[in-house]
Amino acid sequence: MTCGTAFALHSSAGVAEARGRARREARTTRTGAAQRGRLPRSAYALRVTMVLQGAVFGASRAGVTALTEKHGAPAQAGLVYAARG
């Protein structure tokens, strides 16, 4: 915590802030959706991948729960999750 505070309060922080302000003023003044534009295809690919990964993990979790219930020990599902890593 102390190192982060010292870094933030260092005398060079004002120089960096002035440079950032100058860069922001030099840019166009568009805001919102017009400035953001469209996401690249790689961003959509990552979103689809994350959804599929969530589906896999959700299905495996449901499967573990069903398996432990089938064996008559539904409370053991947490231990099976922990054993899986």
Protein backbone atom coordinates (compact mmCIF):
# COMPACT_ATOMS: atom_id res chain seq x y z
CA MET A 1 0.00 0.00 0.00
CA THR A 2 2.78 2.40 0.87
CA CYS A 3 4.61 1.87 -2.43
CA GLY A 4 1.44 2.54 -4.41
CA THR A 5 0.79 5.75 -2.50
CA ALA A 6 4.36 6.92 -2.96
CA PHE A 7 4.14 6.18 -6.68
CA ALA A 8 0.89 8.12 -7.02
CA LEU A 9 2.22 11.11 -5.12
CA HIS A 10 5.56 11.26 -6.96
CA SER A 11 6.38 14.60 -8.58
CA SER A 12 6.32 13.10 -12.08
CA ALA A 13 2.59 12.36 -11.74
CA GLY A 14 1.74 15.93 -12.74
CA VAL A 15 3.78 15.64 -15.95
CA ALA A 16 2.00 12.44 -16.93
CA GLU A 17 -1.39 14.01 -16.20
CA ALA A 18 -0.60 17.03 -18.39
CA ARG A 19 0.49 14.80 -21.28
CA GLY A 20 -2.67 12.71 -20.97
CA ARG A 21 -4.84 15.84 -20.97
CA ALA A 22 -3.10 17.16 -24.08
CA ARG A 23 -3.64 13.85 -25.88
CA ARG A 24 -7.31 13.78 -24.95
CA GLU A 25 -7.81 17.32 -26.24
CA ALA A 26 -6.04 16.50 -29.50
CA ARG A 27 -8.44 13.64 -30.24
CA THR A 28 -11.78 14.15 -31.89
CA THR A 29 -14.64 15.19 -29.68
CA ARG A 30 -16.91 12.29 -30.60
CA THR A 31 -18.36 10.44 -27.63
CA GLY A 32 -20.36 7.33 -26.93
CA ALA A 33 -21.19 4.75 -29.58
CA ALA A 34 -19.82 6.84 -32.43
CA GLN A 35 -16.36 6.82 -30.89
CA ARG A 36 -16.34 3.16 -29.88
CA GLY A 37 -17.18 1.75 -33.27
CA ARG A 38 -17.54 -1.95 -33.86
CA LEU A 39 -15.81 -4.70 -31.94
CA PRO A 40 -13.22 -6.75 -33.81
CA ARG A 41 -14.05 -10.32 -34.77
CA SER A 42 -11.62 -11.65 -32.20
CA ALA A 43 -13.74 -10.12 -29.43
CA TYR A 44 -16.79 -12.02 -30.66
CA ALA A 45 -14.75 -15.21 -30.87
CA LEU A 46 -13.65 -14.74 -27.27
CA ARG A 47 -17.23 -14.18 -26.15
CA VAL A 48 -18.42 -17.36 -27.84
CA THR A 49 -15.50 -19.28 -26.34
CA MET A 50 -16.34 -18.04 -22.84
CA VAL A 51 -20.00 -19.00 -23.26
CA LEU A 52 -19.05 -22.50 -24.37
CA GLN A 53 -16.56 -22.83 -21.52
CA GLY A 54 -19.28 -21.84 -19.06
CA ALA A 55 -21.60 -24.42 -20.58
CA VAL A 56 -18.98 -27.14 -20.14
CA PHE A 57 -18.25 -26.23 -16.54
CA GLY A 58 -21.95 -25.92 -15.75
CA ALA A 59 -22.70 -29.30 -17.28
CA SER A 60 -19.86 -30.97 -15.38
CA ARG A 61 -21.07 -29.40 -12.14
CA ALA A 62 -24.59 -30.66 -12.75
CA GLY A 63 -23.17 -34.08 -13.58
CA VAL A 64 -21.17 -34.25 -10.36
CA THR A 65 -24.21 -33.24 -8.35
CA ALA A 66 -26.37 -35.88 -10.07
CA LEU A 67 -23.70 -38.54 -9.52
CA THR A 68 -23.38 -37.85 -5.80
CA GLU A 69 -27.17 -37.82 -5.42
CA LYS A 70 -27.37 -41.14 -7.28
CA HIS A 71 -24.92 -42.66 -4.80
CA GLY A 72 -26.96 -41.34 -1.88
CA ALA A 73 -24.49 -38.71 -0.66
CA PRO A 74 -25.49 -35.33 -2.16
CA ALA A 75 -23.52 -33.50 0.53
CA GLN A 76 -20.31 -34.97 -0.89
CA ALA A 77 -20.61 -32.98 -4.12
CA GLY A 78 -18.39 -30.24 -2.70
CA LEU A 79 -15.62 -32.72 -1.98
CA VAL A 80 -15.84 -34.05 -5.52
CA TYR A 81 -15.59 -30.49 -6.88
CA ALA A 82 -12.53 -29.90 -4.71
CA ALA A 83 -10.92 -33.14 -5.87
CA ARG A 84 -11.39 -32.11 -9.49
CA GLY A 85 -9.36 -28.98 -8.85
